[in-house]
Amino acid sequence: MLRVMSPIGFDVAVWISWNGQSQSPDFNPIEHMWEELKRRLKGVRASNANQKFAQLEADWKSISMTVVQTLLDSMPRRYQAVIDAKGYPTKY
């Protein structure tokens, strides 16, 4: 489990486990990567499964490390947003 200390010294990982939010998509960076893939493939058609897989693979490989790093850097803000929303949905 990723442990992040908030600016006020609150252990976010403990709060998440206490409040049953550990399964929230807000805490799962891969969910956001899937959304990025969906955006890139919107409107792209494939004639068969192999072609679709090739498109997915090419788009996955084209996602820059800058995008990945930006997503990872946003995680503390995402944790804080869930805390502020008391576990309810956030803008993420």
PDB file of N, CA and C in Angstrom:
ATOM      1  N   MET A   1       0.847  -1.175   0.000  1.00  0.00           N
ATOM      2  CA  MET A   1       0.000   0.000   0.000  1.00  0.00           C
ATOM      3  C   MET A   1       0.891   1.236   0.000  1.00  0.00           C
ATOM      4  N   LEU A   2       0.572   2.175  -0.838  1.00  0.00           N
ATOM      5  CA  LEU A   2       1.286   3.449  -0.892  1.00  0.00           C
ATOM      6  C   LEU A   2       0.906   4.273   0.327  1.00  0.00           C
ATOM      7  N   ARG A   3       1.901   4.768   1.029  1.00  0.00           N
ATOM      8  CA  ARG A   3       1.636   5.586   2.212  1.00  0.00           C
ATOM      9  C   ARG A   3       2.075   7.011   1.911  1.00  0.00           C
ATOM     10  N   VAL A   4       1.188   7.944   2.100  1.00  0.00           N
ATOM     11  CA  VAL A   4       1.481   9.350   1.836  1.00  0.00           C
ATOM     12  C   VAL A   4       1.125  10.154   3.075  1.00  0.00           C
ATOM     13  N   MET A   5       2.047  10.954   3.522  1.00  0.00           N
ATOM     14  CA  MET A   5       1.770  11.831   4.657  1.00  0.00           C
ATOM     15  C   MET A   5       1.248  13.148   4.102  1.00  0.00           C
ATOM     16  N   SER A   6       0.103  13.542   4.560  1.00  0.00           N
ATOM     17  CA  SER A   6      -0.484  14.797   4.081  1.00  0.00           C
ATOM     18  C   SER A   6       0.290  15.975   4.663  1.00  0.00           C
ATOM     19  N   PRO A   7       0.086  17.177   4.093  1.00  0.00           N
ATOM     20  CA  PRO A   7       0.786  18.362   4.612  1.00  0.00           C
ATOM     21  C   PRO A   7       0.512  18.627   6.092  1.00  0.00           C
ATOM     22  N   ILE A   8      -0.624  18.159   6.602  1.00  0.00           N
ATOM     23  CA  ILE A   8      -0.926  18.390   8.018  1.00  0.00           C
ATOM     24  C   ILE A   8      -0.468  17.224   8.892  1.00  0.00           C
ATOM     25  N   GLY A   9       0.255  16.270   8.286  1.00  0.00           N
ATOM     26  CA  GLY A   9       0.796  15.161   9.053  1.00  0.00           C
ATOM     27  C   GLY A   9      -0.155  13.990   9.208  1.00  0.00           C
ATOM     28  N   PHE A  10      -1.200  13.943   8.441  1.00  0.00           N
ATOM     29  CA  PHE A  10      -2.190  12.875   8.522  1.00  0.00           C
ATOM     30  C   PHE A  10      -1.782  11.732   7.609  1.00  0.00           C
ATOM     31  N   ASP A  11      -1.775  10.525   8.127  1.00  0.00           N
ATOM     32  CA  ASP A  11      -1.389   9.362   7.333  1.00  0.00           C
ATOM     33  C   ASP A  11      -2.569   8.951   6.452  1.00  0.00           C
ATOM     34  N   VAL A  12      -2.473   9.259   5.169  1.00  0.00           N
ATOM     35  CA  VAL A  12      -3.575   9.023   4.232  1.00  0.00           C
ATOM     36  C   VAL A  12      -3.892   7.541   4.114  1.00  0.00           C
ATOM     37  N   ALA A  13      -2.873   6.678   4.105  1.00  0.00           N
ATOM     38  CA  ALA A  13      -3.110   5.238   3.960  1.00  0.00           C
ATOM     39  C   ALA A  13      -3.971   4.715   5.102  1.00  0.00           C
ATOM     40  N   VAL A  14      -3.742   5.196   6.307  1.00  0.00           N
ATOM     41  CA  VAL A  14      -4.546   4.771   7.452  1.00  0.00           C
ATOM     42  C   VAL A  14      -5.977   5.261   7.292  1.00  0.00           C
ATOM     43  N   TRP A  15      -6.155   6.526   6.891  1.00  0.00           N
ATOM     44  CA  TRP A  15      -7.504   7.058   6.694  1.00  0.00           C
ATOM     45  C   TRP A  15      -8.259   6.250   5.648  1.00  0.00           C
ATOM     46  N   ILE A  16      -7.575   5.916   4.554  1.00  0.00           N
ATOM     47  CA  ILE A  16      -8.207   5.155   3.479  1.00  0.00           C
ATOM     48  C   ILE A  16      -8.692   3.811   3.999  1.00  0.00           C
ATOM     49  N   SER A  17      -7.848   3.109   4.738  1.00  0.00           N
ATOM     50  CA  SER A  17      -8.245   1.787   5.224  1.00  0.00           C
ATOM     51  C   SER A  17      -9.355   1.892   6.262  1.00  0.00           C
ATOM     52  N   TRP A  18      -9.339   2.922   7.100  1.00  0.00           N
ATOM     53  CA  TRP A  18     -10.401   3.106   8.082  1.00  0.00           C
ATOM     54  C   TRP A  18     -11.739   3.394   7.431  1.00  0.00           C
ATOM     55  N   ASN A  19     -11.714   4.071   6.329  1.00  0.00           N
ATOM     56  CA  ASN A  19     -12.947   4.527   5.699  1.00  0.00           C
ATOM     57  C   ASN A  19     -13.369   3.686   4.503  1.00  0.00           C
ATOM     58  N   GLY A  20     -12.715   2.563   4.286  1.00  0.00           N
ATOM     59  CA  GLY A  20     -13.123   1.652   3.227  1.00  0.00           C
ATOM     60  C   GLY A  20     -12.946   2.196   1.829  1.00  0.00           C
ATOM     61  N   GLN A  21     -12.058   3.157   1.645  1.00  0.00           N
ATOM     62  CA  GLN A  21     -11.886   3.783   0.340  1.00  0.00           C
ATOM     63  C   GLN A  21     -10.719   3.199  -0.455  1.00  0.00           C
ATOM     64  N   SER A  22     -10.116   2.123   0.024  1.00  0.00           N
ATOM     65  CA  SER A  22      -8.911   1.612  -0.632  1.00  0.00           C
ATOM     66  C   SER A  22      -9.170   1.125  -2.050  1.00  0.00           C
ATOM     67  N   GLN A  23     -10.414   0.856  -2.401  1.00  0.00           N
ATOM     68  CA  GLN A  23     -10.731   0.384  -3.747  1.00  0.00           C
ATOM     69  C   GLN A  23     -11.168   1.512  -4.678  1.00  0.00           C
ATOM     70  N   SER A  24     -11.129   2.725  -4.199  1.00  0.00           N
ATOM     71  CA  SER A  24     -11.560   3.863  -5.007  1.00  0.00           C
ATOM     72  C   SER A  24     -10.705   4.002  -6.259  1.00  0.00           C
ATOM     73  N   PRO A  25     -11.326   4.212  -7.428  1.00  0.00           N
ATOM     74  CA  PRO A  25     -10.544   4.437  -8.646  1.00  0.00           C
ATOM     75  C   PRO A  25      -9.679   5.692  -8.558  1.00  0.00           C
ATOM     76  N   ASP A  26     -10.017   6.611  -7.650  1.00  0.00           N
ATOM     77  CA  ASP A  26      -9.191   7.804  -7.461  1.00  0.00           C
ATOM     78  C   ASP A  26      -7.785   7.434  -7.001  1.00  0.00           C
ATOM     79  N   PHE A  27      -7.635   6.271  -6.362  1.00  0.00           N
ATOM     80  CA  PHE A  27      -6.344   5.846  -5.826  1.00  0.00           C
ATOM     81  C   PHE A  27      -5.618   4.875  -6.743  1.00  0.00           C
ATOM     82  N   ASN A  28      -6.126   4.650  -7.925  1.00  0.00           N
ATOM     83  CA  ASN A  28      -5.544   3.652  -8.811  1.00  0.00           C
ATOM     84  C   ASN A  28      -5.075   4.316 -10.101  1.00  0.00           C
ATOM     85  N   PRO A  29      -3.785   4.624 -10.211  1.00  0.00           N
ATOM     86  CA  PRO A  29      -3.296   5.319 -11.406  1.00  0.00           C
ATOM     87  C   PRO A  29      -3.579   4.581 -12.711  1.00  0.00           C
ATOM     88  N   ILE A  30      -3.630   3.258 -12.683  1.00  0.00           N
ATOM     89  CA  ILE A  30      -3.859   2.522 -13.933  1.00  0.00           C
ATOM     90  C   ILE A  30      -5.245   2.829 -14.491  1.00  0.00           C
ATOM     91  N   GLU A  31      -6.211   3.104 -13.616  1.00  0.00           N
ATOM     92  CA  GLU A  31      -7.551   3.468 -14.096  1.00  0.00           C
ATOM     93  C   GLU A  31      -7.482   4.735 -14.941  1.00  0.00           C
ATOM     94  N   HIS A  32      -6.636   5.661 -14.532  1.00  0.00           N
ATOM     95  CA  HIS A  32      -6.493   6.909 -15.276  1.00  0.00           C
ATOM     96  C   HIS A  32      -5.734   6.683 -16.580  1.00  0.00           C
ATOM     97  N   MET A  33      -4.836   5.715 -16.592  1.00  0.00           N
ATOM     98  CA  MET A  33      -4.135   5.376 -17.836  1.00  0.00           C
ATOM     99  C   MET A  33      -5.119   4.743 -18.826  1.00  0.00           C
ATOM    100  N   TRP A  34      -6.033   3.907 -18.324  1.00  0.00           N
ATOM    101  CA  TRP A  34      -7.050   3.321 -19.212  1.00  0.00           C
ATOM    102  C   TRP A  34      -7.914   4.424 -19.811  1.00  0.00           C
ATOM    103  N   GLU A  35      -8.250   5.428 -19.008  1.00  0.00           N
ATOM    104  CA  GLU A  35      -9.034   6.557 -19.529  1.00  0.00           C
ATOM    105  C   GLU A  35      -8.261   7.284 -20.624  1.00  0.00           C
ATOM    106  N   GLU A  36      -6.965   7.438 -20.440  1.00  0.00           N
ATOM    107  CA  GLU A  36      -6.121   8.064 -21.462  1.00  0.00           C
ATOM    108  C   GLU A  36      -6.171   7.249 -22.755  1.00  0.00           C
ATOM    109  N   LEU A  37      -6.081   5.929 -22.631  1.00  0.00           N
ATOM    110  CA  LEU A  37      -6.173   5.076 -23.826  1.00  0.00           C
ATOM    111  C   LEU A  37      -7.530   5.217 -24.501  1.00  0.00           C
ATOM    112  N   LYS A  38      -8.593   5.246 -23.718  1.00  0.00           N
ATOM    113  CA  LYS A  38      -9.935   5.407 -24.294  1.00  0.00           C
ATOM    114  C   LYS A  38     -10.033   6.702 -25.084  1.00  0.00           C
ATOM    115  N   ARG A  39      -9.487   7.784 -24.524  1.00  0.00           N
ATOM    116  CA  ARG A  39      -9.520   9.072 -25.234  1.00  0.00           C
ATOM    117  C   ARG A  39      -8.764   8.976 -26.556  1.00  0.00           C
ATOM    118  N   ARG A  40      -7.614   8.336 -26.535  1.00  0.00           N
ATOM    119  CA  ARG A  40      -6.797   8.230 -27.745  1.00  0.00           C
ATOM    120  C   ARG A  40      -7.465   7.358 -28.813  1.00  0.00           C
ATOM    121  N   LEU A  41      -8.235   6.371 -28.382  1.00  0.00           N
ATOM    122  CA  LEU A  41      -8.843   5.436 -29.331  1.00  0.00           C
ATOM    123  C   LEU A  41     -10.278   5.794 -29.698  1.00  0.00           C
ATOM    124  N   LYS A  42     -10.802   6.867 -29.124  1.00  0.00           N
ATOM    125  CA  LYS A  42     -12.182   7.253 -29.416  1.00  0.00           C
ATOM    126  C   LYS A  42     -12.350   7.483 -30.919  1.00  0.00           C
ATOM    127  N   GLY A  43     -13.309   6.811 -31.494  1.00  0.00           N
ATOM    128  CA  GLY A  43     -13.593   6.958 -32.914  1.00  0.00           C
ATOM    129  C   GLY A  43     -12.714   6.126 -33.827  1.00  0.00           C
ATOM    130  N   VAL A  44     -11.709   5.444 -33.277  1.00  0.00           N
ATOM    131  CA  VAL A  44     -10.831   4.591 -34.086  1.00  0.00           C
ATOM    132  C   VAL A  44     -11.490   3.222 -34.204  1.00  0.00           C
ATOM    133  N   ARG A  45     -11.634   2.761 -35.417  1.00  0.00           N
ATOM    134  CA  ARG A  45     -12.293   1.474 -35.668  1.00  0.00           C
ATOM    135  C   ARG A  45     -11.266   0.407 -36.020  1.00  0.00           C
ATOM    136  N   ALA A  46     -11.574  -0.808 -35.629  1.00  0.00           N
ATOM    137  CA  ALA A  46     -10.735  -1.958 -35.979  1.00  0.00           C
ATOM    138  C   ALA A  46     -11.629  -3.003 -36.624  1.00  0.00           C
ATOM    139  N   SER A  47     -11.085  -3.707 -37.599  1.00  0.00           N
ATOM    140  CA  SER A  47     -11.892  -4.711 -38.298  1.00  0.00           C
ATOM    141  C   SER A  47     -11.856  -6.069 -37.605  1.00  0.00           C
ATOM    142  N   ASN A  48     -10.905  -6.258 -36.674  1.00  0.00           N
ATOM    143  CA  ASN A  48     -10.848  -7.521 -35.934  1.00  0.00           C
ATOM    144  C   ASN A  48     -10.093  -7.308 -34.618  1.00  0.00           C
ATOM    145  N   ALA A  49     -10.089  -8.342 -33.788  1.00  0.00           N
ATOM    146  CA  ALA A  49      -9.464  -8.236 -32.467  1.00  0.00           C
ATOM    147  C   ALA A  49      -7.963  -7.991 -32.564  1.00  0.00           C
ATOM    148  N   ASN A  50      -7.301  -8.620 -33.525  1.00  0.00           N
ATOM    149  CA  ASN A  50      -5.856  -8.426 -33.671  1.00  0.00           C
ATOM    150  C   ASN A  50      -5.524  -6.980 -34.014  1.00  0.00           C
ATOM    151  N   GLN A  51      -6.318  -6.392 -34.879  1.00  0.00           N
ATOM    152  CA  GLN A  51      -6.092  -4.995 -35.253  1.00  0.00           C
ATOM    153  C   GLN A  51      -6.329  -4.076 -34.044  1.00  0.00           C
ATOM    154  N   LYS A  52      -7.375  -4.354 -33.280  1.00  0.00           N
ATOM    155  CA  LYS A  52      -7.669  -3.552 -32.089  1.00  0.00           C
ATOM    156  C   LYS A  52      -6.530  -3.667 -31.074  1.00  0.00           C
ATOM    157  N   PHE A  53      -6.029  -4.898 -30.876  1.00  0.00           N
ATOM    158  CA  PHE A  53      -4.920  -5.091 -29.950  1.00  0.00           C
ATOM    159  C   PHE A  53      -3.694  -4.308 -30.418  1.00  0.00           C
ATOM    160  N   ALA A  54      -3.418  -4.340 -31.702  1.00  0.00           N
ATOM    161  CA  ALA A  54      -2.271  -3.605 -32.253  1.00  0.00           C
ATOM    162  C   ALA A  54      -2.434  -2.103 -32.021  1.00  0.00           C
ATOM    163  N   GLN A  55      -3.668  -1.591 -32.180  1.00  0.00           N
ATOM    164  CA  GLN A  55      -3.923  -0.169 -31.929  1.00  0.00           C
ATOM    165  C   GLN A  55      -3.700   0.166 -30.452  1.00  0.00           C
ATOM    166  N   LEU A  56      -4.223  -0.685 -29.575  1.00  0.00           N
ATOM    167  CA  LEU A  56      -4.040  -0.475 -28.137  1.00  0.00           C
ATOM    168  C   LEU A  56      -2.561  -0.480 -27.762  1.00  0.00           C
ATOM    169  N   GLU A  57      -1.842  -1.459 -28.291  1.00  0.00           N
ATOM    170  CA  GLU A  57      -0.422  -1.580 -27.981  1.00  0.00           C
ATOM    171  C   GLU A  57       0.361  -0.353 -28.459  1.00  0.00           C
ATOM    172  N   ALA A  58       0.078   0.091 -29.668  1.00  0.00           N
ATOM    173  CA  ALA A  58       0.777   1.256 -30.217  1.00  0.00           C
ATOM    174  C   ALA A  58       0.472   2.511 -29.399  1.00  0.00           C
ATOM    175  N   ASP A  59      -0.797   2.704 -29.045  1.00  0.00           N
ATOM    176  CA  ASP A  59      -1.158   3.883 -28.252  1.00  0.00           C
ATOM    177  C   ASP A  59      -0.571   3.809 -26.845  1.00  0.00           C
ATOM    178  N   TRP A  60      -0.554   2.619 -26.250  1.00  0.00           N
ATOM    179  CA  TRP A  60       0.030   2.450 -24.920  1.00  0.00           C
ATOM    180  C   TRP A  60       1.506   2.851 -24.939  1.00  0.00           C
ATOM    181  N   LYS A  61       2.220   2.371 -25.959  1.00  0.00           N
ATOM    182  CA  LYS A  61       3.651   2.674 -26.070  1.00  0.00           C
ATOM    183  C   LYS A  61       3.908   4.148 -26.366  1.00  0.00           C
ATOM    184  N   SER A  62       2.922   4.828 -26.931  1.00  0.00           N
ATOM    185  CA  SER A  62       3.117   6.238 -27.288  1.00  0.00           C
ATOM    186  C   SER A  62       2.850   7.198 -26.125  1.00  0.00           C
ATOM    187  N   ILE A  63       2.327   6.688 -25.021  1.00  0.00           N
ATOM    188  CA  ILE A  63       2.096   7.545 -23.860  1.00  0.00           C
ATOM    189  C   ILE A  63       3.456   7.883 -23.257  1.00  0.00           C
ATOM    190  N   SER A  64       3.752   9.152 -23.201  1.00  0.00           N
ATOM    191  CA  SER A  64       5.078   9.583 -22.747  1.00  0.00           C
ATOM    192  C   SER A  64       5.233   9.424 -21.237  1.00  0.00           C
ATOM    193  N   MET A  65       6.471   9.339 -20.819  1.00  0.00           N
ATOM    194  CA  MET A  65       6.759   9.270 -19.390  1.00  0.00           C
ATOM    195  C   MET A  65       6.352  10.567 -18.689  1.00  0.00           C
ATOM    196  N   THR A  66       6.278  11.657 -19.432  1.00  0.00           N
ATOM    197  CA  THR A  66       5.810  12.917 -18.853  1.00  0.00           C
ATOM    198  C   THR A  66       4.360  12.776 -18.404  1.00  0.00           C
ATOM    199  N   VAL A  67       3.532  12.118 -19.224  1.00  0.00           N
ATOM    200  CA  VAL A  67       2.128  11.885 -18.858  1.00  0.00           C
ATOM    201  C   VAL A  67       2.065  11.009 -17.612  1.00  0.00           C
ATOM    202  N   VAL A  68       2.857   9.952 -17.588  1.00  0.00           N
ATOM    203  CA  VAL A  68       2.875   9.041 -16.437  1.00  0.00           C
ATOM    204  C   VAL A  68       3.332   9.792 -15.186  1.00  0.00           C
ATOM    205  N   GLN A  69       4.402  10.563 -15.299  1.00  0.00           N
ATOM    206  CA  GLN A  69       4.924  11.294 -14.145  1.00  0.00           C
ATOM    207  C   GLN A  69       3.925  12.330 -13.649  1.00  0.00           C
ATOM    208  N   THR A  70       3.251  13.006 -14.562  1.00  0.00           N
ATOM    209  CA  THR A  70       2.232  13.985 -14.172  1.00  0.00           C
ATOM    210  C   THR A  70       1.120  13.306 -13.383  1.00  0.00           C
ATOM    211  N   LEU A  71       0.705  12.131 -13.844  1.00  0.00           N
ATOM    212  CA  LEU A  71      -0.325  11.373 -13.137  1.00  0.00           C
ATOM    213  C   LEU A  71       0.159  10.992 -11.738  1.00  0.00           C
ATOM    214  N   LEU A  72       1.360  10.461 -11.645  1.00  0.00           N
ATOM    215  CA  LEU A  72       1.888  10.066 -10.337  1.00  0.00           C
ATOM    216  C   LEU A  72       2.043  11.273  -9.413  1.00  0.00           C
ATOM    217  N   ASP A  73       2.474  12.387  -9.966  1.00  0.00           N
ATOM    218  CA  ASP A  73       2.620  13.605  -9.163  1.00  0.00           C
ATOM    219  C   ASP A  73       1.281  14.113  -8.637  1.00  0.00           C
ATOM    220  N   SER A  74       0.197  13.763  -9.325  1.00  0.00           N
ATOM    221  CA  SER A  74      -1.130  14.224  -8.908  1.00  0.00           C
ATOM    222  C   SER A  74      -1.722  13.382  -7.779  1.00  0.00           C
ATOM    223  N   MET A  75      -1.112  12.263  -7.452  1.00  0.00           N
ATOM    224  CA  MET A  75      -1.706  11.361  -6.470  1.00  0.00           C
ATOM    225  C   MET A  75      -1.908  12.007  -5.096  1.00  0.00           C
ATOM    226  N   PRO A  76      -0.955  12.754  -4.546  1.00  0.00           N
ATOM    227  CA  PRO A  76      -1.241  13.393  -3.250  1.00  0.00           C
ATOM    228  C   PRO A  76      -2.463  14.322  -3.306  1.00  0.00           C
ATOM    229  N   ARG A  77      -2.644  15.046  -4.409  1.00  0.00           N
ATOM    230  CA  ARG A  77      -3.837  15.904  -4.555  1.00  0.00           C
ATOM    231  C   ARG A  77      -5.100  15.052  -4.620  1.00  0.00           C
ATOM    232  N   ARG A  78      -5.013  13.915  -5.268  1.00  0.00           N
ATOM    233  CA  ARG A  78      -6.172  13.019  -5.354  1.00  0.00           C
ATOM    234  C   ARG A  78      -6.550  12.495  -3.969  1.00  0.00           C
ATOM    235  N   TYR A  79      -5.537  12.090  -3.194  1.00  0.00           N
ATOM    236  CA  TYR A  79      -5.803  11.631  -1.825  1.00  0.00           C
ATOM    237  C   TYR A  79      -6.483  12.730  -1.018  1.00  0.00           C
ATOM    238  N   GLN A  80      -5.945  13.942  -1.124  1.00  0.00           N
ATOM    239  CA  GLN A  80      -6.515  15.053  -0.366  1.00  0.00           C
ATOM    240  C   GLN A  80      -7.944  15.341  -0.814  1.00  0.00           C
ATOM    241  N   ALA A  81      -8.216  15.217  -2.112  1.00  0.00           N
ATOM    242  CA  ALA A  81      -9.570  15.463  -2.618  1.00  0.00           C
ATOM    243  C   ALA A  81     -10.562  14.466  -2.028  1.00  0.00           C
ATOM    244  N   VAL A  82     -10.157  13.207  -1.904  1.00  0.00           N
ATOM    245  CA  VAL A  82     -11.047  12.195  -1.319  1.00  0.00           C
ATOM    246  C   VAL A  82     -11.259  12.486   0.165  1.00  0.00           C
ATOM    247  N   ILE A  83     -10.203  12.874   0.845  1.00  0.00           N
ATOM    248  CA  ILE A  83     -10.341  13.231   2.261  1.00  0.00           C
ATOM    249  C   ILE A  83     -11.290  14.416   2.408  1.00  0.00           C
ATOM    250  N   ASP A  84     -11.088  15.442   1.590  1.00  0.00           N
ATOM    251  CA  ASP A  84     -11.944  16.631   1.653  1.00  0.00           C
ATOM    252  C   ASP A  84     -13.395  16.304   1.337  1.00  0.00           C
ATOM    253  N   ALA A  85     -13.603  15.341   0.424  1.00  0.00           N
ATOM    254  CA  ALA A  85     -14.963  14.943   0.033  1.00  0.00           C
ATOM    255  C   ALA A  85     -15.539  13.893   0.980  1.00  0.00           C
ATOM    256  N   LYS A  86     -14.780  13.555   2.023  1.00  0.00           N
ATOM    257  CA  LYS A  86     -15.209  12.560   3.015  1.00  0.00           C
ATOM    258  C   LYS A  86     -15.600  11.236   2.364  1.00  0.00           C
ATOM    259  N   GLY A  87     -14.850  10.866   1.325  1.00  0.00           N
ATOM    260  CA  GLY A  87     -15.075   9.588   0.667  1.00  0.00           C
ATOM    261  C   GLY A  87     -16.058   9.637  -0.484  1.00  0.00           C
ATOM    262  N   TYR A  88     -16.717  10.758  -0.668  1.00  0.00           N
ATOM    263  CA  TYR A  88     -17.660  10.883  -1.779  1.00  0.00           C
ATOM    264  C   TYR A  88     -16.898  11.144  -3.077  1.00  0.00           C
ATOM    265  N   PRO A  89     -17.571  11.054  -4.224  1.00  0.00           N
ATOM    266  CA  PRO A  89     -16.879  11.249  -5.508  1.00  0.00           C
ATOM    267  C   PRO A  89     -16.151  12.592  -5.580  1.00  0.00           C
ATOM    268  N   THR A  90     -15.059  12.572  -6.324  1.00  0.00           N
ATOM    269  CA  THR A  90     -14.252  13.772  -6.523  1.00  0.00           C
ATOM    270  C   THR A  90     -14.252  14.133  -7.997  1.00  0.00           C
ATOM    271  N   LYS A  91     -13.598  15.234  -8.328  1.00  0.00           N
ATOM    272  CA  LYS A  91     -13.503  15.638  -9.733  1.00  0.00           C
ATOM    273  C   LYS A  91     -12.620  14.693 -10.533  1.00  0.00           C
ATOM    274  N   TYR A  92     -11.840  13.861  -9.854  1.00  0.00           N
ATOM    275  CA  TYR A  92     -10.950  12.947 -10.547  1.00  0.00           C
ATOM    276  C   TYR A  92     -11.711  11.738 -11.019  1.00  0.00           C
TER     277      TYR A  92
END
